[in-house]
PDB file of all heavy atoms in Angstrom:
ATOM      1  N   ALA A   1     -15.388  84.029 -25.374  1.00  0.00           N
ATOM      2  CA  ALA A   1     -15.017  84.327 -23.995  1.00  0.00           C
ATOM      3  C   ALA A   1     -16.140  83.969 -23.034  1.00  0.00           C
ATOM      4  O   ALA A   1     -15.891  83.511 -21.916  1.00  0.00           O
ATOM      5  CB  ALA A   1     -14.644  85.803 -23.866  1.00  0.00           C
ATOM      6  N   ILE A   2     -17.389  84.177 -23.481  1.00  0.00           N
ATOM      7  CA  ILE A   2     -18.534  83.813 -22.636  1.00  0.00           C
ATOM      8  C   ILE A   2     -18.589  82.306 -22.452  1.00  0.00           C
ATOM      9  O   ILE A   2     -18.751  81.795 -21.336  1.00  0.00           O
ATOM     10  CB  ILE A   2     -19.844  84.329 -23.266  1.00  0.00           C
ATOM     11  CG1 ILE A   2     -19.827  85.851 -23.362  1.00  0.00           C
ATOM     12  CG2 ILE A   2     -21.047  83.849 -22.467  1.00  0.00           C
ATOM     13  CD1 ILE A   2     -20.984  86.419 -24.166  1.00  0.00           C
ATOM     14  N   ALA A   3     -18.418  81.567 -23.567  1.00  0.00           N
ATOM     15  CA  ALA A   3     -18.481  80.102 -23.510  1.00  0.00           C
ATOM     16  C   ALA A   3     -17.366  79.527 -22.644  1.00  0.00           C
ATOM     17  O   ALA A   3     -17.538  78.484 -21.999  1.00  0.00           O
ATOM     18  CB  ALA A   3     -18.413  79.532 -24.923  1.00  0.00           C
ATOM     19  N   ALA A   4     -16.227  80.200 -22.603  1.00  0.00           N
ATOM     20  CA  ALA A   4     -15.098  79.727 -21.807  1.00  0.00           C
ATOM     21  C   ALA A   4     -15.204  80.113 -20.337  1.00  0.00           C
ATOM     22  O   ALA A   4     -14.321  79.783 -19.543  1.00  0.00           O
ATOM     23  CB  ALA A   4     -13.794  80.278 -22.385  1.00  0.00           C
ATOM     24  N   GLY A   5     -16.282  80.813 -19.977  1.00  0.00           N
ATOM     25  CA  GLY A   5     -16.471  81.223 -18.591  1.00  0.00           C
ATOM     26  C   GLY A   5     -15.593  82.363 -18.162  1.00  0.00           C
ATOM     27  O   GLY A   5     -15.412  82.603 -16.962  1.00  0.00           O
ATOM     28  N   GLN A   6     -15.027  83.104 -19.141  1.00  0.00           N
ATOM     29  CA  GLN A   6     -14.128  84.194 -18.810  1.00  0.00           C
ATOM     30  C   GLN A   6     -14.858  85.478 -18.442  1.00  0.00           C
ATOM     31  O   GLN A   6     -14.277  86.344 -17.785  1.00  0.00           O
ATOM     32  CB  GLN A   6     -13.192  84.454 -19.990  1.00  0.00           C
ATOM     33  CG  GLN A   6     -12.291  83.270 -20.315  1.00  0.00           C
ATOM     34  CD  GLN A   6     -11.491  83.493 -21.584  1.00  0.00           C
ATOM     35  OE1 GLN A   6     -11.794  84.400 -22.365  1.00  0.00           O
ATOM     36  NE2 GLN A   6     -10.479  82.675 -21.803  1.00  0.00           N
ATOM     37  N   LEU A   7     -16.093  85.622 -18.888  1.00  0.00           N
ATOM     38  CA  LEU A   7     -16.851  86.826 -18.558  1.00  0.00           C
ATOM     39  C   LEU A   7     -18.339  86.579 -18.725  1.00  0.00           C
ATOM     40  O   LEU A   7     -18.765  85.612 -19.345  1.00  0.00           O
ATOM     41  CB  LEU A   7     -16.400  88.015 -19.412  1.00  0.00           C
ATOM     42  CG  LEU A   7     -16.446  87.901 -20.945  1.00  0.00           C
ATOM     43  CD1 LEU A   7     -17.835  88.169 -21.487  1.00  0.00           C
ATOM     44  CD2 LEU A   7     -15.464  88.881 -21.566  1.00  0.00           C
ATOM     45  N   GLN A   8     -19.101  87.472 -18.121  1.00  0.00           N
ATOM     46  CA  GLN A   8     -20.546  87.546 -18.325  1.00  0.00           C
ATOM     47  C   GLN A   8     -20.848  88.836 -19.085  1.00  0.00           C
ATOM     48  O   GLN A   8     -20.146  89.834 -18.917  1.00  0.00           O
ATOM     49  CB  GLN A   8     -21.299  87.587 -16.999  1.00  0.00           C
ATOM     50  CG  GLN A   8     -21.083  86.401 -16.080  1.00  0.00           C
ATOM     51  CD  GLN A   8     -21.832  86.598 -14.779  1.00  0.00           C
ATOM     52  OE1 GLN A   8     -23.037  86.386 -14.692  1.00  0.00           O
ATOM     53  NE2 GLN A   8     -21.105  87.012 -13.749  1.00  0.00           N
ATOM     54  N   ILE A   9     -21.882  88.812 -19.908  1.00  0.00           N
ATOM     55  CA  ILE A   9     -22.329  90.015 -20.587  1.00  0.00           C
ATOM     56  C   ILE A   9     -23.677  90.407 -19.998  1.00  0.00           C
ATOM     57  O   ILE A   9     -24.618  89.612 -20.002  1.00  0.00           O
ATOM     58  CB  ILE A   9     -22.464  89.801 -22.100  1.00  0.00           C
ATOM     59  CG1 ILE A   9     -21.124  89.383 -22.695  1.00  0.00           C
ATOM     60  CG2 ILE A   9     -22.957  91.074 -22.777  1.00  0.00           C
ATOM     61  CD1 ILE A   9     -20.055  90.432 -22.591  1.00  0.00           C
ATOM     62  N   ALA A  10     -23.756  91.621 -19.472  1.00  0.00           N
ATOM     63  CA  ALA A  10     -25.012  92.179 -18.992  1.00  0.00           C
ATOM     64  C   ALA A  10     -25.577  93.051 -20.104  1.00  0.00           C
ATOM     65  O   ALA A  10     -25.056  94.131 -20.393  1.00  0.00           O
ATOM     66  CB  ALA A  10     -24.793  92.987 -17.718  1.00  0.00           C
ATOM     67  N   LEU A  11     -26.607  92.561 -20.764  1.00  0.00           N
ATOM     68  CA  LEU A  11     -27.158  93.204 -21.956  1.00  0.00           C
ATOM     69  C   LEU A  11     -28.297  94.150 -21.585  1.00  0.00           C
ATOM     70  O   LEU A  11     -29.276  93.751 -20.965  1.00  0.00           O
ATOM     71  CB  LEU A  11     -27.667  92.140 -22.927  1.00  0.00           C
ATOM     72  CG  LEU A  11     -26.577  91.259 -23.557  1.00  0.00           C
ATOM     73  CD1 LEU A  11     -27.171  89.974 -24.098  1.00  0.00           C
ATOM     74  CD2 LEU A  11     -25.848  92.013 -24.649  1.00  0.00           C
ATOM     75  N   LEU A  12     -28.150  95.415 -21.981  1.00  0.00           N
ATOM     76  CA  LEU A  12     -29.178  96.421 -21.744  1.00  0.00           C
ATOM     77  C   LEU A  12     -29.739  96.866 -23.091  1.00  0.00           C
ATOM     78  O   LEU A  12     -29.094  97.614 -23.823  1.00  0.00           O
ATOM     79  CB  LEU A  12     -28.589  97.620 -20.996  1.00  0.00           C
ATOM     80  CG  LEU A  12     -29.548  98.788 -20.731  1.00  0.00           C
ATOM     81  CD1 LEU A  12     -30.710  98.331 -19.849  1.00  0.00           C
ATOM     82  CD2 LEU A  12     -28.805  99.943 -20.074  1.00  0.00           C
ATOM     83  N   PRO A  13     -30.928  96.386 -23.473  1.00  0.00           N
ATOM     84  CA  PRO A  13     -31.470  96.740 -24.794  1.00  0.00           C
ATOM     85  C   PRO A  13     -31.982  98.173 -24.839  1.00  0.00           C
ATOM     86  O   PRO A  13     -32.626  98.649 -23.910  1.00  0.00           O
ATOM     87  CB  PRO A  13     -32.620  95.733 -24.974  1.00  0.00           C
ATOM     88  CG  PRO A  13     -33.029  95.352 -23.591  1.00  0.00           C
ATOM     89  CD  PRO A  13     -31.786  95.434 -22.749  1.00  0.00           C
ATOM     90  N   VAL A  14     -31.660  98.861 -25.936  1.00  0.00           N
ATOM     91  CA  VAL A  14     -32.138 100.212 -26.188  1.00  0.00           C
ATOM     92  C   VAL A  14     -32.680 100.275 -27.610  1.00  0.00           C
ATOM     93  O   VAL A  14     -32.492  99.359 -28.406  1.00  0.00           O
ATOM     94  CB  VAL A  14     -31.014 101.262 -26.003  1.00  0.00           C
ATOM     95  CG1 VAL A  14     -30.488 101.257 -24.578  1.00  0.00           C
ATOM     96  CG2 VAL A  14     -29.878 101.016 -26.991  1.00  0.00           C
ATOM     97  N   ALA A  15     -33.359 101.357 -27.908  1.00  0.00           N
ATOM     98  CA  ALA A  15     -33.910 101.565 -29.258  1.00  0.00           C
ATOM     99  C   ALA A  15     -33.155 102.718 -29.907  1.00  0.00           C
ATOM    100  O   ALA A  15     -33.547 103.867 -29.808  1.00  0.00           O
ATOM    101  CB  ALA A  15     -35.409 101.849 -29.187  1.00  0.00           C
ATOM    102  N   GLY A  16     -32.050 102.399 -30.572  1.00  0.00           N
ATOM    103  CA  GLY A  16     -31.242 103.435 -31.175  1.00  0.00           C
ATOM    104  C   GLY A  16     -31.487 103.659 -32.654  1.00  0.00           C
ATOM    105  O   GLY A  16     -31.041 104.651 -33.222  1.00  0.00           O
ATOM    106  N   LEU A  17     -32.184 102.715 -33.292  1.00  0.00           N
ATOM    107  CA  LEU A  17     -32.345 102.784 -34.746  1.00  0.00           C
ATOM    108  C   LEU A  17     -33.791 102.998 -35.180  1.00  0.00           C
ATOM    109  O   LEU A  17     -34.146 102.715 -36.329  1.00  0.00           O
ATOM    110  CB  LEU A  17     -31.803 101.501 -35.395  1.00  0.00           C
ATOM    111  CG  LEU A  17     -30.310 101.230 -35.198  1.00  0.00           C
ATOM    112  CD1 LEU A  17     -29.919  99.912 -35.833  1.00  0.00           C
ATOM    113  CD2 LEU A  17     -29.476 102.371 -35.764  1.00  0.00           C
ATOM    114  N   ASP A  18     -34.623 103.502 -34.272  1.00  0.00           N
ATOM    115  CA  ASP A  18     -36.037 103.685 -34.611  1.00  0.00           C
ATOM    116  C   ASP A  18     -36.246 104.550 -35.848  1.00  0.00           C
ATOM    117  O   ASP A  18     -37.173 104.313 -36.635  1.00  0.00           O
ATOM    118  CB  ASP A  18     -36.794 104.294 -33.428  1.00  0.00           C
ATOM    119  CG  ASP A  18     -37.291 103.233 -32.454  1.00  0.00           C
ATOM    120  OD1 ASP A  18     -37.207 102.038 -32.792  1.00  0.00           O
ATOM    121  OD2 ASP A  18     -37.762 103.600 -31.371  1.00  0.00           O
ATOM    122  N   ASN A  19     -35.410 105.564 -36.029  1.00  0.00           N
ATOM    123  CA  ASN A  19     -35.566 106.443 -37.187  1.00  0.00           C
ATOM    124  C   ASN A  19     -35.288 105.732 -38.499  1.00  0.00           C
ATOM    125  O   ASN A  19     -35.687 106.201 -39.564  1.00  0.00           O
ATOM    126  CB  ASN A  19     -34.640 107.658 -37.070  1.00  0.00           C
ATOM    127  CG  ASN A  19     -35.128 108.642 -36.021  1.00  0.00           C
ATOM    128  OD1 ASN A  19     -36.290 108.623 -35.630  1.00  0.00           O
ATOM    129  ND2 ASN A  19     -34.239 109.505 -35.556  1.00  0.00           N
ATOM    130  N   HIS A  20     -34.589 104.603 -38.425  1.00  0.00           N
ATOM    131  CA  HIS A  20     -34.219 103.877 -39.637  1.00  0.00           C
ATOM    132  C   HIS A  20     -35.091 102.636 -39.875  1.00  0.00           C
ATOM    133  O   HIS A  20     -35.052 102.075 -40.964  1.00  0.00           O
ATOM    134  CB  HIS A  20     -32.756 103.454 -39.567  1.00  0.00           C
ATOM    135  CG  HIS A  20     -31.799 104.602 -39.448  1.00  0.00           C
ATOM    136  ND1 HIS A  20     -31.413 105.375 -40.515  1.00  0.00           N
ATOM    137  CD2 HIS A  20     -31.167 105.130 -38.375  1.00  0.00           C
ATOM    138  CE1 HIS A  20     -30.579 106.317 -40.116  1.00  0.00           C
ATOM    139  NE2 HIS A  20     -30.427 106.198 -38.811  1.00  0.00           N
ATOM    140  N   ASN A  21     -35.811 102.185 -38.869  1.00  0.00           N
ATOM    141  CA  ASN A  21     -36.598 100.956 -39.051  1.00  0.00           C
ATOM    142  C   ASN A  21     -38.050 101.115 -38.598  1.00  0.00           C
ATOM    143  O   ASN A  21     -38.707 100.137 -38.238  1.00  0.00           O
ATOM    144  CB  ASN A  21     -35.934  99.774 -38.331  1.00  0.00           C
ATOM    145  CG  ASN A  21     -35.739 100.016 -36.841  1.00  0.00           C
ATOM    146  OD1 ASN A  21     -36.504 100.744 -36.209  1.00  0.00           O
ATOM    147  ND2 ASN A  21     -34.720  99.402 -36.255  1.00  0.00           N
ATOM    148  N   ASN A  22     -38.512 102.361 -38.631  1.00  0.00           N
ATOM    149  CA  ASN A  22     -39.932 102.629 -38.356  1.00  0.00           C
ATOM    150  C   ASN A  22     -40.372 102.122 -36.982  1.00  0.00           C
ATOM    151  O   ASN A  22     -41.462 101.586 -36.821  1.00  0.00           O
ATOM    152  CB  ASN A  22     -40.815 102.005 -39.452  1.00  0.00           C
ATOM    153  CG  ASN A  22     -42.218 102.591 -39.476  1.00  0.00           C
ATOM    154  OD1 ASN A  22     -42.417 103.752 -39.118  1.00  0.00           O
ATOM    155  ND2 ASN A  22     -43.191 101.810 -39.899  1.00  0.00           N
ATOM    156  N   GLY A  23     -39.520 102.327 -35.991  1.00  0.00           N
ATOM    157  CA  GLY A  23     -39.897 101.985 -34.623  1.00  0.00           C
ATOM    158  C   GLY A  23     -39.740 100.529 -34.247  1.00  0.00           C
ATOM    159  O   GLY A  23     -40.117 100.144 -33.130  1.00  0.00           O
ATOM    160  N   GLN A  24     -39.144  99.716 -35.117  1.00  0.00           N
ATOM    161  CA  GLN A  24     -39.024  98.291 -34.812  1.00  0.00           C
ATOM    162  C   GLN A  24     -38.024  98.020 -33.691  1.00  0.00           C
ATOM    163  O   GLN A  24     -38.133  97.018 -32.976  1.00  0.00           O
ATOM    164  CB  GLN A  24     -38.617  97.524 -36.077  1.00  0.00           C
ATOM    165  CG  GLN A  24     -39.673  97.522 -37.161  1.00  0.00           C
ATOM    166  CD  GLN A  24     -40.985  96.921 -36.689  1.00  0.00           C
ATOM    167  OE1 GLN A  24     -41.013  95.795 -36.193  1.00  0.00           O
ATOM    168  NE2 GLN A  24     -42.059  97.680 -36.823  1.00  0.00           N
ATOM    169  N   SER A  25     -37.031  98.907 -33.515  1.00  0.00           N
ATOM    170  CA  SER A  25     -36.070  98.702 -32.433  1.00  0.00           C
ATOM    171  C   SER A  25     -36.739  98.793 -31.064  1.00  0.00           C
ATOM    172  O   SER A  25     -36.425  98.035 -30.150  1.00  0.00           O
ATOM    173  CB  SER A  25     -34.937  99.725 -32.529  1.00  0.00           C
ATOM    174  OG  SER A  25     -34.074  99.435 -33.608  1.00  0.00           O
ATOM    175  N   THR A  26     -37.682  99.727 -30.931  1.00  0.00           N
ATOM    176  CA  THR A  26     -38.409  99.839 -29.664  1.00  0.00           C
ATOM    177  C   THR A  26     -39.189  98.570 -29.382  1.00  0.00           C
ATOM    178  O   THR A  26     -39.189  98.053 -28.252  1.00  0.00           O
ATOM    179  CB  THR A  26     -39.370 101.045 -29.707  1.00  0.00           C
ATOM    180  OG1 THR A  26     -38.605 102.251 -29.692  1.00  0.00           O
ATOM    181  CG2 THR A  26     -40.293 101.048 -28.492  1.00  0.00           C
ATOM    182  N   LEU A  27     -39.851  98.035 -30.399  1.00  0.00           N
ATOM    183  CA  LEU A  27     -40.614  96.805 -30.208  1.00  0.00           C
ATOM    184  C   LEU A  27     -39.706  95.648 -29.820  1.00  0.00           C
ATOM    185  O   LEU A  27     -40.040  94.847 -28.934  1.00  0.00           O
ATOM    186  CB  LEU A  27     -41.377  96.466 -31.498  1.00  0.00           C
ATOM    187  CG  LEU A  27     -42.441  97.476 -31.938  1.00  0.00           C
ATOM    188  CD1 LEU A  27     -43.075  97.033 -33.256  1.00  0.00           C
ATOM    189  CD2 LEU A  27     -43.517  97.629 -30.865  1.00  0.00           C
ATOM    190  N   ALA A  28     -38.537  95.553 -30.462  1.00  0.00           N
ATOM    191  CA  ALA A  28     -37.606  94.467 -30.147  1.00  0.00           C
ATOM    192  C   ALA A  28     -37.056  94.598 -28.736  1.00  0.00           C
ATOM    193  O   ALA A  28     -36.963  93.620 -27.988  1.00  0.00           O
ATOM    194  CB  ALA A  28     -36.467  94.452 -31.163  1.00  0.00           C
ATOM    195  N   ALA A  29     -36.693  95.832 -28.337  1.00  0.00           N
ATOM    196  CA  ALA A  29     -36.160  96.042 -26.989  1.00  0.00           C
ATOM    197  C   ALA A  29     -37.219  95.745 -25.934  1.00  0.00           C
ATOM    198  O   ALA A  29     -36.936  95.102 -24.918  1.00  0.00           O
ATOM    199  CB  ALA A  29     -35.647  97.475 -26.848  1.00  0.00           C
ATOM    200  N   ARG A  30     -38.438  96.198 -26.176  1.00  0.00           N
ATOM    201  CA  ARG A  30     -39.512  95.941 -25.217  1.00  0.00           C
ATOM    202  C   ARG A  30     -39.804  94.451 -25.110  1.00  0.00           C
ATOM    203  O   ARG A  30     -40.109  93.940 -24.018  1.00  0.00           O
ATOM    204  CB  ARG A  30     -40.776  96.689 -25.641  1.00  0.00           C
ATOM    205  CG  ARG A  30     -40.727  98.192 -25.367  1.00  0.00           C
ATOM    206  CD  ARG A  30     -41.999  98.867 -25.845  1.00  0.00           C
ATOM    207  NE  ARG A  30     -42.007 100.279 -25.492  1.00  0.00           N
ATOM    208  CZ  ARG A  30     -42.956 101.125 -25.876  1.00  0.00           C
ATOM    209  NH1 ARG A  30     -43.965 100.705 -26.630  1.00  0.00           N
ATOM    210  NH2 ARG A  30     -42.896 102.402 -25.514  1.00  0.00           N
ATOM    211  N   SER A  31     -39.721  93.740 -26.226  1.00  0.00           N
ATOM    212  CA  SER A  31     -40.009  92.302 -26.181  1.00  0.00           C
ATOM    213  C   SER A  31     -38.993  91.576 -25.311  1.00  0.00           C
ATOM    214  O   SER A  31     -39.333  90.628 -24.599  1.00  0.00           O
ATOM    215  CB  SER A  31     -40.019  91.722 -27.595  1.00  0.00           C
ATOM    216  OG  SER A  31     -38.713  91.685 -28.148  1.00  0.00           O
ATOM    217  N   LEU A  32     -37.733  92.010 -25.340  1.00  0.00           N
ATOM    218  CA  LEU A  32     -36.715  91.378 -24.502  1.00  0.00           C
ATOM    219  C   LEU A  32     -36.941  91.696 -23.033  1.00  0.00           C
ATOM    220  O   LEU A  32     -36.716  90.851 -22.164  1.00  0.00           O
ATOM    221  CB  LEU A  32     -35.326  91.849 -24.926  1.00  0.00           C
ATOM    222  CG  LEU A  32     -34.848  91.396 -26.304  1.00  0.00           C
ATOM    223  CD1 LEU A  32     -33.449  91.932 -26.580  1.00  0.00           C
ATOM    224  CD2 LEU A  32     -34.858  89.884 -26.431  1.00  0.00           C
TER     225      LEU A  32
END
């Protein structure tokens, strides 16, 4: 749908899995 120009995605990164990946989600969200 994005490629067809039907919509835009507004991505808001969060860290929801820190308890499962030793804080890597926070690092990934901050990097974005």
